[in-house]
Amino acid sequence: MEIHKAVEEKMKKTIAVIQDEFNSVRAGRANPAMLDRITIEYYGAVTPLKQIATVAAPEPRLITIQPFDPSVLTDIEKAIQKSDLGINPSNDGKVIRLAIPQLTEERRKDLTKIVKGKAEDGRVAIRNERRNANDALKKMEKSGEITEDDLKQAQETVQKMTDKYIENIDELLALKEKEMMEV
């Protein structure tokens, strides 16, 4: 059914967004995905960092950023300082290094709350997709496009999808919490 395909696509996109959100939350170790949201003004265009520099994590607590054009080094440094990462970059003229400090227990708990909030936002988005699909199915039944039995069966399928994707979010949350609580 077309509605099922559309709902599943939207739910998959929600999962992808949640994964990106989780990756942007700093855990105790270096992860280049933490910098995915950082953008730099480059020749008049706002450009993602990963398009103008090589970002790597050569050590568990270090991220290196090597721009393809050394003239943007200071712009990258400023963008990192303005971001919500809370990390001060060090610049040697060619490469920017980000030393990832050990997280305190209190900061870990704060980050866990943030991640749980993002997970709940994802669950709400999934449930909203379920509601929209069910509304569309009810309209189809009222207009005579599908029977009452088809409606029930289609709603059950949508519910199964909803359960599957909410479970997926819960698994991602558990993994992120485990990663954040590692010392």
Protein backbone atom coordinates (compact mmCIF):
# COMPACT_ATOMS: atom_id res chain seq x y z
CA MET A 1 0.00 0.00 0.00
CA GLU A 2 1.28 3.50 -0.85
CA ILE A 3 0.55 4.82 2.64
CA HIS A 4 2.69 2.11 4.21
CA LYS A 5 5.63 2.95 1.95
CA ALA A 6 5.34 6.67 2.70
CA VAL A 7 5.09 6.09 6.47
CA GLU A 8 8.05 3.73 6.49
CA GLU A 9 10.16 6.26 4.54
CA LYS A 10 9.31 9.01 7.03
CA MET A 11 10.06 6.74 9.98
CA LYS A 12 13.43 5.77 8.46
CA LYS A 13 14.26 9.46 8.04
CA THR A 14 13.36 10.05 11.69
CA ILE A 15 15.79 7.29 12.72
CA ALA A 16 18.53 8.85 10.57
CA VAL A 17 17.94 12.25 12.19
CA ILE A 18 18.08 10.70 15.67
CA GLN A 19 21.38 8.97 14.82
CA ASP A 20 22.83 12.29 13.62
CA GLU A 21 21.60 13.99 16.79
CA PHE A 22 23.19 11.29 18.95
CA ASN A 23 26.49 11.51 17.04
CA SER A 24 26.65 15.25 17.63
CA VAL A 25 26.48 14.75 21.41
CA ARG A 26 29.99 14.54 22.78
CA ALA A 27 30.79 11.34 24.59
CA GLY A 28 34.06 10.71 26.43
CA ARG A 29 36.02 9.86 23.31
CA ALA A 30 36.87 11.53 20.03
CA ASN A 31 34.33 11.10 17.26
CA PRO A 32 34.64 13.12 14.02
CA ALA A 33 30.81 13.09 13.71
CA MET A 34 30.75 15.56 16.63
CA LEU A 35 31.79 18.22 14.11
CA ASP A 36 29.12 17.43 11.48
CA ARG A 37 27.00 20.45 12.42
CA ILE A 38 29.85 22.95 12.22
CA THR A 39 29.72 25.20 9.18
CA ILE A 40 32.20 27.81 7.93
CA GLU A 41 31.74 30.86 5.71
CA TYR A 42 33.91 29.86 2.72
CA TYR A 43 34.09 32.17 -0.30
CA GLY A 44 30.67 33.60 0.50
CA ALA A 45 28.93 30.26 1.01
CA VAL A 46 28.13 28.51 4.27
CA THR A 47 29.95 25.18 3.95
CA PRO A 48 30.03 22.13 6.23
CA LEU A 49 33.42 21.56 7.85
CA LYS A 50 33.86 18.10 6.38
CA GLN A 51 33.68 19.58 2.85
CA ILE A 52 36.65 21.90 3.36
CA ALA A 53 38.87 19.82 5.64
CA THR A 54 39.94 16.31 6.53
CA VAL A 55 38.60 15.41 9.98
CA ALA A 56 40.16 12.43 11.74
CA ALA A 57 40.43 10.87 15.20
CA PRO A 58 43.99 9.47 15.33
CA GLU A 59 43.77 8.88 19.10
CA PRO A 60 40.85 8.13 21.45
CA ARG A 61 40.93 11.67 22.90
CA LEU A 62 42.10 13.72 19.89
CA ILE A 63 40.48 15.02 16.72
CA THR A 64 42.58 16.59 13.99
CA ILE A 65 41.24 18.94 11.34
CA GLN A 66 43.41 19.61 8.31
CA PRO A 67 41.84 22.13 5.92
CA PHE A 68 42.42 21.74 2.19
CA ASP A 69 42.95 25.52 2.06
CA PRO A 70 45.15 26.75 4.97
CA SER A 71 43.64 30.24 4.72
CA VAL A 72 40.43 29.05 6.45
CA LEU A 73 42.26 27.75 9.53
CA THR A 74 41.25 30.70 11.71
CA ASP A 75 37.64 30.59 10.45
CA ILE A 76 37.40 26.92 11.40
CA GLU A 77 38.90 27.70 14.80
CA LYS A 78 36.34 30.46 15.41
CA ALA A 79 33.44 28.24 14.32
CA ILE A 80 34.51 25.52 16.78
CA GLN A 81 34.82 28.06 19.60
CA LYS A 82 31.31 29.41 18.85
CA SER A 83 29.81 25.91 18.79
CA ASP A 84 28.28 24.19 21.82
CA LEU A 85 31.06 21.58 21.97
CA GLY A 86 32.92 23.29 24.80
CA ILE A 87 36.33 22.37 23.36
CA ASN A 88 39.15 24.83 22.72
CA PRO A 89 41.00 24.18 19.48
CA SER A 90 44.78 24.48 19.20
CA ASN A 91 46.25 25.54 15.89
CA ASP A 92 49.84 24.95 14.70
CA GLY A 93 49.41 26.78 11.38
CA LYS A 94 48.57 23.65 9.36
CA VAL A 95 46.37 21.46 11.55
CA ILE A 96 43.79 22.16 14.25
CA ARG A 97 43.82 19.75 17.16
CA LEU A 98 40.90 19.22 19.51
CA ALA A 99 41.81 17.51 22.75
CA ILE A 100 38.68 15.82 24.09
CA PRO A 101 38.69 16.20 27.89
CA GLN A 102 37.48 13.46 30.20
CA LEU A 103 33.84 14.02 31.10
CA THR A 104 32.89 14.52 34.72
CA GLU A 105 30.17 12.34 36.21
CA GLU A 106 27.87 15.36 36.43
CA ARG A 107 28.43 16.28 32.78
CA ARG A 108 27.77 12.66 31.73
CA LYS A 109 24.43 12.77 33.54
CA ASP A 110 23.54 16.09 31.85
CA LEU A 111 24.43 14.67 28.43
CA THR A 112 22.39 11.54 29.17
CA LYS A 113 19.36 13.75 29.88
CA ILE A 114 19.92 15.57 26.58
CA VAL A 115 20.16 12.28 24.67
CA LYS A 116 17.01 10.94 26.36
CA GLY A 117 15.19 14.13 25.33
CA LYS A 118 16.29 13.67 21.72
CA ALA A 119 15.14 10.04 21.83
CA GLU A 120 11.74 11.11 23.15
CA ASP A 121 11.47 13.68 20.34
CA GLY A 122 12.13 10.84 17.91
CA ARG A 123 9.45 8.66 19.49
CA VAL A 124 6.96 11.52 19.27
CA ALA A 125 7.82 12.02 15.58
CA ILE A 126 7.25 8.30 14.92
CA ARG A 127 3.90 8.40 16.73
CA ASN A 128 2.88 11.49 14.74
CA GLU A 129 3.58 9.57 11.53
CA ARG A 130 1.39 6.73 12.82
CA ARG A 131 -1.43 9.17 13.56
CA ASN A 132 -1.15 10.78 10.11
CA ALA A 133 -1.20 7.38 8.41
CA ASN A 134 -4.22 6.22 10.42
CA ASP A 135 -6.07 9.45 9.58
CA ALA A 136 -5.35 8.93 5.88
CA LEU A 137 -6.52 5.31 6.11
CA LYS A 138 -9.77 6.38 7.81
CA LYS A 139 -10.40 8.91 5.04
CA MET A 140 -9.86 6.16 2.47
CA GLU A 141 -12.38 3.96 4.27
CA LYS A 142 -14.96 6.78 4.44
CA SER A 143 -14.60 7.48 0.73
CA GLY A 144 -15.06 3.78 -0.04
CA GLU A 145 -11.53 3.16 -1.38
CA ILE A 146 -10.91 0.42 1.21
CA THR A 147 -13.16 -1.80 3.33
CA GLU A 148 -13.40 -1.81 7.11
CA ASP A 149 -11.38 -5.05 7.23
CA ASP A 150 -8.69 -3.50 5.01
CA LEU A 151 -8.64 -0.50 7.36
CA LYS A 152 -8.07 -2.70 10.42
CA GLN A 153 -5.36 -4.70 8.67
CA ALA A 154 -3.62 -1.54 7.41
CA GLN A 155 -3.75 0.04 10.88
CA GLU A 156 -2.19 -3.09 12.37
CA THR A 157 0.63 -2.89 9.83
CA VAL A 158 1.22 0.79 10.69
CA GLN A 159 1.26 -0.10 14.41
CA LYS A 160 3.84 -2.85 13.81
CA MET A 161 6.03 -0.35 11.93
CA THR A 162 5.63 2.15 14.76
CA ASP A 163 6.64 -0.44 17.36
CA LYS A 164 9.65 -1.50 15.27
CA TYR A 165 10.98 2.04 14.84
CA ILE A 166 10.38 3.05 18.46
CA GLU A 167 12.29 -0.08 19.50
CA ASN A 168 15.05 1.00 17.11
CA ILE A 169 15.25 4.40 18.84
CA ASP A 170 15.39 2.67 22.23
CA GLU A 171 18.31 0.52 21.03
CA LEU A 172 20.18 3.58 19.73
CA LEU A 173 19.55 5.32 23.06
CA ALA A 174 20.88 2.36 25.05
CA LEU A 175 24.05 2.26 22.92
CA LYS A 176 24.63 6.01 23.29
CA GLU A 177 24.06 5.90 27.07
CA LYS A 178 26.52 3.01 27.37
CA GLU A 179 29.08 4.93 25.28
CA MET A 180 28.63 8.05 27.41
CA MET A 181 28.96 6.26 30.72
CA GLU A 182 32.23 4.51 29.77
CA VAL A 183 35.14 5.98 31.68
